[in-house]
PDB file of N, CA and C in Angstrom:
ATOM      1  N   MET A   1      56.912   6.910 -40.547  1.00  0.00           N
ATOM      2  CA  MET A   1      55.688   6.745 -40.081  1.00  0.00           C
ATOM      3  C   MET A   1      55.005   5.673 -40.140  1.00  0.00           C
ATOM      4  N   GLU A   2      54.758   5.318 -41.608  1.00  0.00           N
ATOM      5  CA  GLU A   2      53.906   4.085 -41.613  1.00  0.00           C
ATOM      6  C   GLU A   2      54.329   2.780 -40.916  1.00  0.00           C
ATOM      7  N   GLY A   3      55.782   2.556 -40.948  1.00  0.00           N
ATOM      8  CA  GLY A   3      56.302   1.413 -40.144  1.00  0.00           C
ATOM      9  C   GLY A   3      55.701   1.409 -38.697  1.00  0.00           C
ATOM     10  N   GLN A   4      55.412   2.512 -38.092  1.00  0.00           N
ATOM     11  CA  GLN A   4      55.283   2.922 -36.776  1.00  0.00           C
ATOM     12  C   GLN A   4      53.950   1.962 -36.448  1.00  0.00           C
ATOM     13  N   PHE A   5      52.940   2.313 -37.234  1.00  0.00           N
ATOM     14  CA  PHE A   5      51.798   1.469 -36.829  1.00  0.00           C
ATOM     15  C   PHE A   5      51.465   0.439 -37.378  1.00  0.00           C
ATOM     16  N   GLU A   6      52.580  -0.340 -38.088  1.00  0.00           N
ATOM     17  CA  GLU A   6      52.296  -1.716 -38.497  1.00  0.00           C
ATOM     18  C   GLU A   6      51.515  -2.485 -37.414  1.00  0.00           C
ATOM     19  N   SER A   7      52.151  -2.390 -36.238  1.00  0.00           N
ATOM     20  CA  SER A   7      51.559  -3.413 -34.966  1.00  0.00           C
ATOM     21  C   SER A   7      50.177  -3.306 -34.784  1.00  0.00           C
ATOM     22  N   ASP A   8      49.660  -2.126 -34.986  1.00  0.00           N
ATOM     23  CA  ASP A   8      48.699  -1.674 -34.776  1.00  0.00           C
ATOM     24  C   ASP A   8      47.644  -2.367 -35.894  1.00  0.00           C
ATOM     25  N   LYS A   9      47.899  -2.329 -37.146  1.00  0.00           N
ATOM     26  CA  LYS A   9      47.207  -2.948 -38.160  1.00  0.00           C
ATOM     27  C   LYS A   9      47.087  -4.504 -37.983  1.00  0.00           C
ATOM     28  N   GLN A  10      47.923  -5.087 -37.458  1.00  0.00           N
ATOM     29  CA  GLN A  10      47.818  -6.532 -36.986  1.00  0.00           C
ATOM     30  C   GLN A  10      47.411  -7.078 -35.907  1.00  0.00           C
ATOM     31  N   GLY A  11      46.921  -5.694 -34.940  1.00  0.00           N
ATOM     32  CA  GLY A  11      46.260  -6.306 -33.773  1.00  0.00           C
ATOM     33  C   GLY A  11      47.012  -6.488 -32.560  1.00  0.00           C
ATOM     34  N   ILE A  12      48.391  -6.223 -32.900  1.00  0.00           N
ATOM     35  CA  ILE A  12      49.367  -6.314 -31.651  1.00  0.00           C
ATOM     36  C   ILE A  12      49.678  -5.136 -31.063  1.00  0.00           C
ATOM     37  N   LEU A  13      49.492  -4.747 -29.804  1.00  0.00           N
ATOM     38  CA  LEU A  13      49.903  -3.719 -29.160  1.00  0.00           C
ATOM     39  C   LEU A  13      50.616  -4.024 -28.073  1.00  0.00           C
ATOM     40  N   GLU A  14      51.763  -3.206 -27.975  1.00  0.00           N
ATOM     41  CA  GLU A  14      52.782  -3.398 -26.616  1.00  0.00           C
ATOM     42  C   GLU A  14      51.916  -3.287 -25.244  1.00  0.00           C
ATOM     43  N   GLN A  15      52.255  -3.755 -24.351  1.00  0.00           N
ATOM     44  CA  GLN A  15      51.463  -3.921 -23.232  1.00  0.00           C
ATOM     45  C   GLN A  15      52.291  -2.776 -22.438  1.00  0.00           C
ATOM     46  N   GLN A  16      51.817  -1.560 -21.873  1.00  0.00           N
ATOM     47  CA  GLN A  16      52.408  -0.685 -20.870  1.00  0.00           C
ATOM     48  C   GLN A  16      52.420  -1.184 -19.665  1.00  0.00           C
ATOM     49  N   ALA A  17      53.473  -0.847 -18.728  1.00  0.00           N
ATOM     50  CA  ALA A  17      53.578  -1.231 -17.342  1.00  0.00           C
ATOM     51  C   ALA A  17      52.615  -0.050 -16.661  1.00  0.00           C
ATOM     52  N   PRO A  18      51.929  -0.647 -15.570  1.00  0.00           N
ATOM     53  CA  PRO A  18      51.268   0.343 -14.868  1.00  0.00           C
ATOM     54  C   PRO A  18      52.008   1.164 -14.083  1.00  0.00           C
ATOM     55  N   PRO A  19      51.500   2.418 -13.839  1.00  0.00           N
ATOM     56  CA  PRO A  19      52.367   3.510 -13.391  1.00  0.00           C
ATOM     57  C   PRO A  19      52.721   2.765 -11.646  1.00  0.00           C
ATOM     58  N   ALA A  20      53.924   3.524 -11.355  1.00  0.00           N
ATOM     59  CA  ALA A  20      54.598   2.996 -10.121  1.00  0.00           C
ATOM     60  C   ALA A  20      53.770   3.778  -9.075  1.00  0.00           C
ATOM     61  N   TYR A  21      53.353   3.237  -7.958  1.00  0.00           N
ATOM     62  CA  TYR A  21      53.147   4.037  -6.916  1.00  0.00           C
ATOM     63  C   TYR A  21      53.828   3.566  -5.695  1.00  0.00           C
ATOM     64  N   SER A  22      53.869   4.781  -4.673  1.00  0.00           N
ATOM     65  CA  SER A  22      54.741   4.618  -3.468  1.00  0.00           C
ATOM     66  C   SER A  22      53.920   3.670  -2.695  1.00  0.00           C
ATOM     67  N   PRO A  23      54.523   2.917  -1.630  1.00  0.00           N
ATOM     68  CA  PRO A  23      54.011   2.114  -0.556  1.00  0.00           C
ATOM     69  C   PRO A  23      52.879   3.160   0.338  1.00  0.00           C
ATOM     70  N   GLY A  24      52.819   4.184   0.443  1.00  0.00           N
ATOM     71  CA  GLY A  24      51.965   4.824   1.476  1.00  0.00           C
ATOM     72  C   GLY A  24      50.724   5.316   0.570  1.00  0.00           C
ATOM     73  N   GLN A  25      50.629   5.407  -0.859  1.00  0.00           N
ATOM     74  CA  GLN A  25      49.589   5.868  -1.847  1.00  0.00           C
ATOM     75  C   GLN A  25      49.034   4.610  -2.226  1.00  0.00           C
ATOM     76  N   LEU A  26      47.693   4.828  -2.013  1.00  0.00           N
ATOM     77  CA  LEU A  26      46.321   3.974  -2.554  1.00  0.00           C
ATOM     78  C   LEU A  26      46.080   4.019  -3.891  1.00  0.00           C
ATOM     79  N   GLN A  27      45.819   3.008  -4.404  1.00  0.00           N
ATOM     80  CA  GLN A  27      45.428   2.853  -5.862  1.00  0.00           C
ATOM     81  C   GLN A  27      43.823   2.506  -5.954  1.00  0.00           C
ATOM     82  N   TYR A  28      43.173   3.114  -6.600  1.00  0.00           N
ATOM     83  CA  TYR A  28      41.669   2.750  -6.605  1.00  0.00           C
ATOM     84  C   TYR A  28      41.353   2.360  -8.366  1.00  0.00           C
ATOM     85  N   ASP A  29      41.118   1.323  -8.165  1.00  0.00           N
ATOM     86  CA  ASP A  29      40.761   0.678  -9.703  1.00  0.00           C
ATOM     87  C   ASP A  29      39.260   0.350  -9.556  1.00  0.00           C
ATOM     88  N   GLN A  30      38.435   1.224 -10.324  1.00  0.00           N
ATOM     89  CA  GLN A  30      36.895   0.728 -10.199  1.00  0.00           C
ATOM     90  C   GLN A  30      36.579   0.396 -11.598  1.00  0.00           C
ATOM     91  N   PRO A  31      35.793  -0.788 -11.719  1.00  0.00           N
ATOM     92  CA  PRO A  31      35.148  -1.037 -12.908  1.00  0.00           C
ATOM     93  C   PRO A  31      34.313  -0.043 -13.394  1.00  0.00           C
ATOM     94  N   PRO A  32      33.917  -0.096 -14.546  1.00  0.00           N
ATOM     95  CA  PRO A  32      32.858   0.720 -15.019  1.00  0.00           C
ATOM     96  C   PRO A  32      31.727  -0.002 -14.777  1.00  0.00           C
ATOM     97  N   GLY A  33      30.613   0.779 -14.455  1.00  0.00           N
ATOM     98  CA  GLY A  33      29.300   0.425 -14.086  1.00  0.00           C
ATOM     99  C   GLY A  33      28.991   1.070 -12.971  1.00  0.00           C
ATOM    100  N   ASN A  34      28.014   0.348 -12.118  1.00  0.00           N
ATOM    101  CA  ASN A  34      27.410   1.105 -10.745  1.00  0.00           C
ATOM    102  C   ASN A  34      28.426   1.229  -9.736  1.00  0.00           C
ATOM    103  N   GLN A  35      28.159   2.326  -9.218  1.00  0.00           N
ATOM    104  CA  GLN A  35      29.217   2.893  -8.305  1.00  0.00           C
ATOM    105  C   GLN A  35      28.391   3.096  -6.814  1.00  0.00           C
ATOM    106  N   THR A  36      28.774   2.820  -5.994  1.00  0.00           N
ATOM    107  CA  THR A  36      28.096   2.834  -4.314  1.00  0.00           C
ATOM    108  C   THR A  36      28.522   4.465  -4.055  1.00  0.00           C
ATOM    109  N   ILE A  37      27.713   5.285  -3.499  1.00  0.00           N
ATOM    110  CA  ILE A  37      27.858   6.567  -3.049  1.00  0.00           C
ATOM    111  C   ILE A  37      27.745   6.531  -1.401  1.00  0.00           C
ATOM    112  N   VAL A  38      28.432   6.989  -0.852  1.00  0.00           N
ATOM    113  CA  VAL A  38      28.376   7.024   0.568  1.00  0.00           C
ATOM    114  C   VAL A  38      28.271   8.372   1.048  1.00  0.00           C
ATOM    115  N   HIS A  39      27.056   8.605   1.713  1.00  0.00           N
ATOM    116  CA  HIS A  39      26.829  10.121   2.271  1.00  0.00           C
ATOM    117  C   HIS A  39      27.435  10.085   3.463  1.00  0.00           C
ATOM    118  N   ILE A  40      28.480  11.107   3.967  1.00  0.00           N
ATOM    119  CA  ILE A  40      29.135  11.217   5.304  1.00  0.00           C
ATOM    120  C   ILE A  40      28.213  12.674   5.670  1.00  0.00           C
ATOM    121  N   GLY A  41      27.758  12.238   6.769  1.00  0.00           N
ATOM    122  CA  GLY A  41      27.470  13.644   7.617  1.00  0.00           C
ATOM    123  C   GLY A  41      25.753  14.158   7.115  1.00  0.00           C
ATOM    124  N   GLN A  42      25.313  13.291   6.064  1.00  0.00           N
ATOM    125  CA  GLN A  42      23.908  13.851   5.665  1.00  0.00           C
ATOM    126  C   GLN A  42      23.044  12.540   5.740  1.00  0.00           C
ATOM    127  N   PRO A  43      22.249  12.322   7.011  1.00  0.00           N
ATOM    128  CA  PRO A  43      21.305  11.265   7.124  1.00  0.00           C
ATOM    129  C   PRO A  43      20.356  11.281   6.143  1.00  0.00           C
ATOM    130  N   MET A  44      19.739  10.103   5.651  1.00  0.00           N
ATOM    131  CA  MET A  44      18.724   9.879   4.715  1.00  0.00           C
ATOM    132  C   MET A  44      17.418  10.624   5.363  1.00  0.00           C
ATOM    133  N   PRO A  45      16.663  11.336   4.574  1.00  0.00           N
ATOM    134  CA  PRO A  45      15.451  11.947   4.977  1.00  0.00           C
ATOM    135  C   PRO A  45      14.352  10.995   5.195  1.00  0.00           C
ATOM    136  N   SER A  46      13.323  11.061   5.934  1.00  0.00           N
ATOM    137  CA  SER A  46      12.649  10.217   6.513  1.00  0.00           C
ATOM    138  C   SER A  46      11.621   9.697   5.338  1.00  0.00           C
ATOM    139  N   ASP A  47      11.408   8.522   4.949  1.00  0.00           N
ATOM    140  CA  ASP A  47      10.525   8.192   3.758  1.00  0.00           C
ATOM    141  C   ASP A  47       9.268   7.738   4.144  1.00  0.00           C
ATOM    142  N   TYR A  48       8.821   8.042   5.285  1.00  0.00           N
ATOM    143  CA  TYR A  48       7.483   7.778   5.627  1.00  0.00           C
ATOM    144  C   TYR A  48       6.624   6.280   5.122  1.00  0.00           C
ATOM    145  N   PHE A  49       7.490   5.236   4.899  1.00  0.00           N
ATOM    146  CA  PHE A  49       7.197   4.058   4.216  1.00  0.00           C
ATOM    147  C   PHE A  49       6.050   3.412   5.058  1.00  0.00           C
ATOM    148  N   ALA A  50       6.457   3.374   6.321  1.00  0.00           N
ATOM    149  CA  ALA A  50       5.296   2.651   7.342  1.00  0.00           C
ATOM    150  C   ALA A  50       3.975   3.297   7.519  1.00  0.00           C
ATOM    151  N   LEU A  51       4.084   4.516   7.391  1.00  0.00           N
ATOM    152  CA  LEU A  51       2.776   5.580   7.585  1.00  0.00           C
ATOM    153  C   LEU A  51       1.999   5.165   6.153  1.00  0.00           C
ATOM    154  N   SER A  52       2.623   5.307   5.125  1.00  0.00           N
ATOM    155  CA  SER A  52       2.081   5.313   3.626  1.00  0.00           C
ATOM    156  C   SER A  52       1.568   3.630   3.311  1.00  0.00           C
ATOM    157  N   ILE A  53       1.979   2.720   3.933  1.00  0.00           N
ATOM    158  CA  ILE A  53       1.614   1.236   3.895  1.00  0.00           C
ATOM    159  C   ILE A  53       0.381   1.344   4.976  1.00  0.00           C
ATOM    160  N   ILE A  54       0.469   1.744   6.202  1.00  0.00           N
ATOM    161  CA  ILE A  54      -0.984   2.008   6.843  1.00  0.00           C
ATOM    162  C   ILE A  54      -1.996   2.528   6.186  1.00  0.00           C
ATOM    163  N   VAL A  55      -1.833   3.711   5.808  1.00  0.00           N
ATOM    164  CA  VAL A  55      -2.861   4.649   5.159  1.00  0.00           C
ATOM    165  C   VAL A  55      -3.224   4.022   4.003  1.00  0.00           C
ATOM    166  N   THR A  56      -2.523   3.390   3.102  1.00  0.00           N
ATOM    167  CA  THR A  56      -2.989   2.477   1.850  1.00  0.00           C
ATOM    168  C   THR A  56      -3.858   1.524   2.401  1.00  0.00           C
ATOM    169  N   ILE A  57      -3.633   0.664   3.325  1.00  0.00           N
ATOM    170  CA  ILE A  57      -4.432  -0.440   3.717  1.00  0.00           C
ATOM    171  C   ILE A  57      -5.800   0.008   4.572  1.00  0.00           C
ATOM    172  N   PHE A  58      -5.681   1.045   5.457  1.00  0.00           N
ATOM    173  CA  PHE A  58      -6.881   1.404   6.328  1.00  0.00           C
ATOM    174  C   PHE A  58      -7.627   2.594   5.876  1.00  0.00           C
ATOM    175  N   CYS A  59      -6.881   3.443   5.175  1.00  0.00           N
ATOM    176  CA  CYS A  59      -7.569   4.747   4.891  1.00  0.00           C
ATOM    177  C   CYS A  59      -8.153   5.014   3.614  1.00  0.00           C
ATOM    178  N   CYS A  60      -7.201   5.422   2.833  1.00  0.00           N
ATOM    179  CA  CYS A  60      -7.591   5.831   1.182  1.00  0.00           C
ATOM    180  C   CYS A  60      -6.737   5.240   0.351  1.00  0.00           C
ATOM    181  N   LEU A  61      -7.243   4.308  -0.270  1.00  0.00           N
ATOM    182  CA  LEU A  61      -6.200   3.661  -1.146  1.00  0.00           C
ATOM    183  C   LEU A  61      -5.570   4.305  -2.452  1.00  0.00           C
ATOM    184  N   PRO A  62      -6.356   5.220  -3.085  1.00  0.00           N
ATOM    185  CA  PRO A  62      -5.622   6.064  -3.971  1.00  0.00           C
ATOM    186  C   PRO A  62      -4.429   6.774  -3.501  1.00  0.00           C
ATOM    187  N   PHE A  63      -4.725   7.929  -2.618  1.00  0.00           N
ATOM    188  CA  PHE A  63      -3.846   8.741  -1.976  1.00  0.00           C
ATOM    189  C   PHE A  63      -2.625   7.703  -1.232  1.00  0.00           C
ATOM    190  N   GLY A  64      -2.753   6.650  -0.748  1.00  0.00           N
ATOM    191  CA  GLY A  64      -1.900   5.858  -0.325  1.00  0.00           C
ATOM    192  C   GLY A  64      -0.896   5.488  -1.177  1.00  0.00           C
ATOM    193  N   ILE A  65      -1.631   4.966  -2.313  1.00  0.00           N
ATOM    194  CA  ILE A  65      -0.522   4.465  -3.611  1.00  0.00           C
ATOM    195  C   ILE A  65       0.459   5.667  -3.921  1.00  0.00           C
ATOM    196  N   VAL A  66      -0.174   6.926  -4.037  1.00  0.00           N
ATOM    197  CA  VAL A  66       0.741   7.634  -4.383  1.00  0.00           C
ATOM    198  C   VAL A  66       2.013   8.199  -3.164  1.00  0.00           C
ATOM    199  N   ALA A  67       1.545   7.801  -1.886  1.00  0.00           N
ATOM    200  CA  ALA A  67       2.456   7.903  -0.776  1.00  0.00           C
ATOM    201  C   ALA A  67       3.453   6.878  -0.814  1.00  0.00           C
ATOM    202  N   LEU A  68       2.932   5.652  -1.309  1.00  0.00           N
ATOM    203  CA  LEU A  68       4.256   4.635  -1.311  1.00  0.00           C
ATOM    204  C   LEU A  68       5.274   4.882  -2.560  1.00  0.00           C
ATOM    205  N   VAL A  69       4.440   5.451  -3.806  1.00  0.00           N
ATOM    206  CA  VAL A  69       5.412   5.634  -4.671  1.00  0.00           C
ATOM    207  C   VAL A  69       6.692   6.975  -4.205  1.00  0.00           C
ATOM    208  N   LYS A  70       5.817   7.810  -3.843  1.00  0.00           N
ATOM    209  CA  LYS A  70       6.696   8.968  -3.317  1.00  0.00           C
ATOM    210  C   LYS A  70       7.998   8.558  -2.286  1.00  0.00           C
ATOM    211  N   SER A  71       7.350   7.731  -1.335  1.00  0.00           N
ATOM    212  CA  SER A  71       8.545   7.236  -0.104  1.00  0.00           C
ATOM    213  C   SER A  71       9.280   6.129  -0.706  1.00  0.00           C
ATOM    214  N   SER A  72       8.926   5.618  -1.928  1.00  0.00           N
ATOM    215  CA  SER A  72      10.009   4.655  -2.410  1.00  0.00           C
ATOM    216  C   SER A  72      11.006   5.616  -3.395  1.00  0.00           C
ATOM    217  N   GLU A  73      10.649   6.696  -3.873  1.00  0.00           N
ATOM    218  CA  GLU A  73      11.445   7.674  -4.564  1.00  0.00           C
ATOM    219  C   GLU A  73      12.723   8.067  -3.500  1.00  0.00           C
ATOM    220  N   VAL A  74      12.181   8.329  -2.223  1.00  0.00           N
ATOM    221  CA  VAL A  74      13.347   9.074  -1.297  1.00  0.00           C
ATOM    222  C   VAL A  74      14.367   8.020  -1.268  1.00  0.00           C
ATOM    223  N   ARG A  75      14.414   6.654  -0.968  1.00  0.00           N
ATOM    224  CA  ARG A  75      15.536   5.918  -0.948  1.00  0.00           C
ATOM    225  C   ARG A  75      16.110   5.996  -2.662  1.00  0.00           C
ATOM    226  N   THR A  76      15.268   5.904  -3.274  1.00  0.00           N
ATOM    227  CA  THR A  76      16.080   5.808  -4.691  1.00  0.00           C
ATOM    228  C   THR A  76      16.834   7.139  -5.094  1.00  0.00           C
ATOM    229  N   ARG A  77      16.223   8.042  -4.712  1.00  0.00           N
ATOM    230  CA  ARG A  77      17.166   9.268  -4.889  1.00  0.00           C
ATOM    231  C   ARG A  77      18.230   9.533  -4.133  1.00  0.00           C
ATOM    232  N   TRP A  78      18.129   9.024  -2.623  1.00  0.00           N
ATOM    233  CA  TRP A  78      19.155   9.172  -1.910  1.00  0.00           C
ATOM    234  C   TRP A  78      20.373   8.229  -2.220  1.00  0.00           C
ATOM    235  N   SER A  79      19.915   7.257  -2.714  1.00  0.00           N
ATOM    236  CA  SER A  79      21.107   6.229  -3.041  1.00  0.00           C
ATOM    237  C   SER A  79      22.107   6.575  -4.204  1.00  0.00           C
ATOM    238  N   VAL A  80      21.427   7.417  -5.219  1.00  0.00           N
ATOM    239  CA  VAL A  80      21.957   7.889  -6.178  1.00  0.00           C
ATOM    240  C   VAL A  80      22.728   9.365  -5.818  1.00  0.00           C
ATOM    241  N   GLY A  81      22.591   9.919  -4.767  1.00  0.00           N
ATOM    242  CA  GLY A  81      23.231  11.019  -4.647  1.00  0.00           C
ATOM    243  C   GLY A  81      22.506  12.194  -4.489  1.00  0.00           C
ATOM    244  N   ASP A  82      21.080  12.150  -5.011  1.00  0.00           N
ATOM    245  CA  ASP A  82      20.065  13.595  -5.132  1.00  0.00           C
ATOM    246  C   ASP A  82      19.694  13.795  -3.814  1.00  0.00           C
ATOM    247  N   LEU A  83      20.332  14.629  -3.060  1.00  0.00           N
ATOM    248  CA  LEU A  83      19.789  14.675  -1.673  1.00  0.00           C
ATOM    249  C   LEU A  83      18.723  15.631  -1.883  1.00  0.00           C
ATOM    250  N   ALA A  84      18.632  16.693  -2.639  1.00  0.00           N
ATOM    251  CA  ALA A  84      17.601  17.820  -2.806  1.00  0.00           C
ATOM    252  C   ALA A  84      16.352  16.832  -3.040  1.00  0.00           C
ATOM    253  N   GLY A  85      16.607  16.106  -4.090  1.00  0.00           N
ATOM    254  CA  GLY A  85      15.253  15.331  -4.877  1.00  0.00           C
ATOM    255  C   GLY A  85      14.723  14.338  -3.556  1.00  0.00           C
ATOM    256  N   ALA A  86      15.617  13.627  -2.861  1.00  0.00           N
ATOM    257  CA  ALA A  86      15.322  12.919  -1.693  1.00  0.00           C
ATOM    258  C   ALA A  86      14.355  13.613  -0.698  1.00  0.00           C
ATOM    259  N   GLU A  87      14.804  14.854  -0.481  1.00  0.00           N
ATOM    260  CA  GLU A  87      14.010  15.370   0.606  1.00  0.00           C
ATOM    261  C   GLU A  87      12.817  16.257  -0.162  1.00  0.00           C
ATOM    262  N   ALA A  88      12.741  16.502  -1.219  1.00  0.00           N
ATOM    263  CA  ALA A  88      11.320  16.658  -1.933  1.00  0.00           C
ATOM    264  C   ALA A  88      10.576  15.651  -1.778  1.00  0.00           C
ATOM    265  N   SER A  89      10.850  14.508  -2.366  1.00  0.00           N
ATOM    266  CA  SER A  89      10.326  13.264  -2.407  1.00  0.00           C
ATOM    267  C   SER A  89       9.686  13.056  -0.673  1.00  0.00           C
ATOM    268  N   SER A  90      10.753  13.095   0.299  1.00  0.00           N
ATOM    269  CA  SER A  90      10.273  12.918   1.426  1.00  0.00           C
ATOM    270  C   SER A  90       8.959  13.994   1.819  1.00  0.00           C
ATOM    271  N   HIS A  91       9.177  15.257   1.405  1.00  0.00           N
ATOM    272  CA  HIS A  91       8.133  15.853   1.660  1.00  0.00           C
ATOM    273  C   HIS A  91       6.737  15.705   1.110  1.00  0.00           C
ATOM    274  N   ASP A  92       6.810  15.356  -0.439  1.00  0.00           N
ATOM    275  CA  ASP A  92       5.635  14.958  -0.844  1.00  0.00           C
ATOM    276  C   ASP A  92       5.077  13.429  -0.272  1.00  0.00           C
ATOM    277  N   ALA A  93       6.053  12.536   0.199  1.00  0.00           N
ATOM    278  CA  ALA A  93       5.561  11.306   0.798  1.00  0.00           C
ATOM    279  C   ALA A  93       4.686  11.641   2.157  1.00  0.00           C
ATOM    280  N   ARG A  94       5.059  12.777   2.712  1.00  0.00           N
ATOM    281  CA  ARG A  94       4.312  13.062   4.285  1.00  0.00           C
ATOM    282  C   ARG A  94       3.181  13.677   3.905  1.00  0.00           C
ATOM    283  N   ARG A  95       3.085  14.545   2.765  1.00  0.00           N
ATOM    284  CA  ARG A  95       1.955  15.245   2.546  1.00  0.00           C
ATOM    285  C   ARG A  95       0.947  14.022   2.105  1.00  0.00           C
ATOM    286  N   TRP A  96       1.052  13.195   0.949  1.00  0.00           N
ATOM    287  CA  TRP A  96       0.274  12.487   0.528  1.00  0.00           C
ATOM    288  C   TRP A  96      -0.242  11.072   1.583  1.00  0.00           C
ATOM    289  N   SER A  97       0.659  10.886   2.557  1.00  0.00           N
ATOM    290  CA  SER A  97       0.214  10.098   3.682  1.00  0.00           C
ATOM    291  C   SER A  97      -0.881  10.786   4.439  1.00  0.00           C
ATOM    292  N   PHE A  98      -0.540  11.983   4.859  1.00  0.00           N
ATOM    293  CA  PHE A  98      -1.448  12.852   5.790  1.00  0.00           C
ATOM    294  C   PHE A  98      -2.692  13.072   5.138  1.00  0.00           C
ATOM    295  N   ALA A  99      -2.653  13.273   3.811  1.00  0.00           N
ATOM    296  CA  ALA A  99      -3.993  13.464   3.228  1.00  0.00           C
ATOM    297  C   ALA A  99      -4.578  12.108   3.040  1.00  0.00           C
ATOM    298  N   ALA A 100      -3.935  11.053   2.903  1.00  0.00           N
ATOM    299  CA  ALA A 100      -4.774   9.814   2.974  1.00  0.00           C
ATOM    300  C   ALA A 100      -5.348   9.366   4.170  1.00  0.00           C
ATOM    301  N   LEU A 101      -4.711  10.040   5.329  1.00  0.00           N
ATOM    302  CA  LEU A 101      -4.920   9.637   6.782  1.00  0.00           C
ATOM    303  C   LEU A 101      -6.199  10.413   6.993  1.00  0.00           C
ATOM    304  N   PHE A 102      -6.124  11.830   6.812  1.00  0.00           N
ATOM    305  CA  PHE A 102      -7.350  12.748   6.941  1.00  0.00           C
ATOM    306  C   PHE A 102      -8.464  12.517   6.115  1.00  0.00           C
ATOM    307  N   THR A 103      -8.444  11.916   4.818  1.00  0.00           N
ATOM    308  CA  THR A 103      -9.538  11.730   4.051  1.00  0.00           C
ATOM    309  C   THR A 103     -10.031  10.105   4.685  1.00  0.00           C
ATOM    310  N   GLY A 104      -9.406   9.317   4.845  1.00  0.00           N
ATOM    311  CA  GLY A 104      -9.801   8.219   5.598  1.00  0.00           C
ATOM    312  C   GLY A 104     -10.655   8.149   6.961  1.00  0.00           C
ATOM    313  N   ILE A 105      -9.940   9.369   7.578  1.00  0.00           N
ATOM    314  CA  ILE A 105     -10.815   9.519   8.882  1.00  0.00           C
ATOM    315  C   ILE A 105     -12.105  10.224   8.689  1.00  0.00           C
ATOM    316  N   ALA A 106     -12.054  11.282   7.492  1.00  0.00           N
ATOM    317  CA  ALA A 106     -13.243  11.970   7.120  1.00  0.00           C
ATOM    318  C   ALA A 106     -14.535  11.039   6.778  1.00  0.00           C
ATOM    319  N   LEU A 107     -13.910  10.118   5.760  1.00  0.00           N
ATOM    320  CA  LEU A 107     -14.637   9.209   5.166  1.00  0.00           C
ATOM    321  C   LEU A 107     -15.487   8.178   6.215  1.00  0.00           C
ATOM    322  N   ILE A 108     -14.662   7.751   6.894  1.00  0.00           N
ATOM    323  CA  ILE A 108     -15.145   6.893   8.086  1.00  0.00           C
ATOM    324  C   ILE A 108     -15.982   7.321   8.898  1.00  0.00           C
ATOM    325  N   THR A 109     -15.722   8.713   9.336  1.00  0.00           N
ATOM    326  CA  THR A 109     -16.403   9.542  10.023  1.00  0.00           C
ATOM    327  C   THR A 109     -17.991   9.625   9.431  1.00  0.00           C
ATOM    328  N   ILE A 110     -17.971  10.014   8.276  1.00  0.00           N
ATOM    329  CA  ILE A 110     -19.296  10.363   7.408  1.00  0.00           C
ATOM    330  C   ILE A 110     -20.040   8.846   7.429  1.00  0.00           C
ATOM    331  N   PHE A 111     -19.693   7.931   7.156  1.00  0.00           N
ATOM    332  CA  PHE A 111     -20.058   6.629   7.048  1.00  0.00           C
ATOM    333  C   PHE A 111     -20.644   6.197   8.384  1.00  0.00           C
ATOM    334  N   PHE A 112     -20.155   6.558   9.749  1.00  0.00           N
ATOM    335  CA  PHE A 112     -20.639   6.239  10.907  1.00  0.00           C
ATOM    336  C   PHE A 112     -21.787   7.167  11.212  1.00  0.00           C
ATOM    337  N   VAL A 113     -21.777   8.560  10.855  1.00  0.00           N
ATOM    338  CA  VAL A 113     -22.825   9.410  11.025  1.00  0.00           C
ATOM    339  C   VAL A 113     -24.162   8.899  10.263  1.00  0.00           C
ATOM    340  N   ILE A 114     -23.860   8.583   8.823  1.00  0.00           N
ATOM    341  CA  ILE A 114     -24.844   8.156   8.327  1.00  0.00           C
ATOM    342  C   ILE A 114     -25.543   6.993   8.621  1.00  0.00           C
ATOM    343  N   TYR A 115     -24.661   6.104   9.058  1.00  0.00           N
ATOM    344  CA  TYR A 115     -25.207   4.635   9.529  1.00  0.00           C
ATOM    345  C   TYR A 115     -25.787   5.060  10.734  1.00  0.00           C
ATOM    346  N   PHE A 116     -25.334   5.980  11.713  1.00  0.00           N
ATOM    347  CA  PHE A 116     -26.282   6.193  13.063  1.00  0.00           C
ATOM    348  C   PHE A 116     -27.584   6.648  12.583  1.00  0.00           C
ATOM    349  N   ILE A 117     -27.457   7.832  11.831  1.00  0.00           N
ATOM    350  CA  ILE A 117     -28.888   8.383  11.529  1.00  0.00           C
ATOM    351  C   ILE A 117     -29.694   7.313  10.714  1.00  0.00           C
ATOM    352  N   ILE A 118     -29.406   6.622  10.009  1.00  0.00           N
ATOM    353  CA  ILE A 118     -30.123   5.427   9.405  1.00  0.00           C
ATOM    354  C   ILE A 118     -30.789   4.564  10.596  1.00  0.00           C
ATOM    355  N   PHE A 119     -29.815   4.225  11.175  1.00  0.00           N
ATOM    356  CA  PHE A 119     -30.340   3.360  12.444  1.00  0.00           C
ATOM    357  C   PHE A 119     -31.245   4.007  13.426  1.00  0.00           C
ATOM    358  N   MET A 120     -30.923   5.285  13.780  1.00  0.00           N
ATOM    359  CA  MET A 120     -31.933   6.069  14.569  1.00  0.00           C
ATOM    360  C   MET A 120     -33.505   6.006  14.019  1.00  0.00           C
ATOM    361  N   VAL A 121     -33.464   6.460  12.528  1.00  0.00           N
ATOM    362  CA  VAL A 121     -34.614   6.643  11.875  1.00  0.00           C
ATOM    363  C   VAL A 121     -35.359   5.240  11.918  1.00  0.00           C
ATOM    364  N   ALA A 122     -34.645   4.296  11.608  1.00  0.00           N
ATOM    365  CA  ALA A 122     -35.423   2.823  11.562  1.00  0.00           C
ATOM    366  C   ALA A 122     -35.832   2.490  12.697  1.00  0.00           C
ATOM    367  N   LEU A 123     -34.955   3.075  13.921  1.00  0.00           N
ATOM    368  CA  LEU A 123     -35.512   2.383  15.375  1.00  0.00           C
ATOM    369  C   LEU A 123     -36.822   3.347  15.674  1.00  0.00           C
ATOM    370  N   ASN A 124     -36.824   4.677  15.311  1.00  0.00           N
ATOM    371  CA  ASN A 124     -38.358   5.452  15.321  1.00  0.00           C
ATOM    372  C   ASN A 124     -39.234   5.293  14.710  1.00  0.00           C
ATOM    373  N   SER A 125     -39.187   4.607  13.766  1.00  0.00           N
ATOM    374  CA  SER A 125     -40.172   4.062  12.485  1.00  0.00           C
ATOM    375  C   SER A 125     -40.968   3.007  13.223  1.00  0.00           C
ATOM    376  N   TYR A 126     -40.507   2.137  14.210  1.00  0.00           N
ATOM    377  CA  TYR A 126     -41.267   0.976  14.609  1.00  0.00           C
ATOM    378  C   TYR A 126     -42.141   1.627  15.653  1.00  0.00           C
TER     379      TYR A 126
END
């Protein structure tokens, strides 16, 4: 038994021949590391990325940033095969985008109402 492992001690190992494959059989050799997962039949959930950018710029910056983060999570989760997580992030991105939109509309409306009231008071005081 000892002589059998003598080549292993010296660092010399016999090369084994690869398994034989028939001509119609495909062989898949994938190197270790990243793998691409292809989703067949399941479209990627909407990421609301454009809406989140627009509301970040024009409406409400804090809510818009959260919407941007959630919308980027949709693509990340979908690309790694987490369909349920991608759908949850899509729902959150939509929720935060609309929260930013409605908050921005409310703040702009309040600003114009206050501005209009101050303007009317200033006109009536002269």
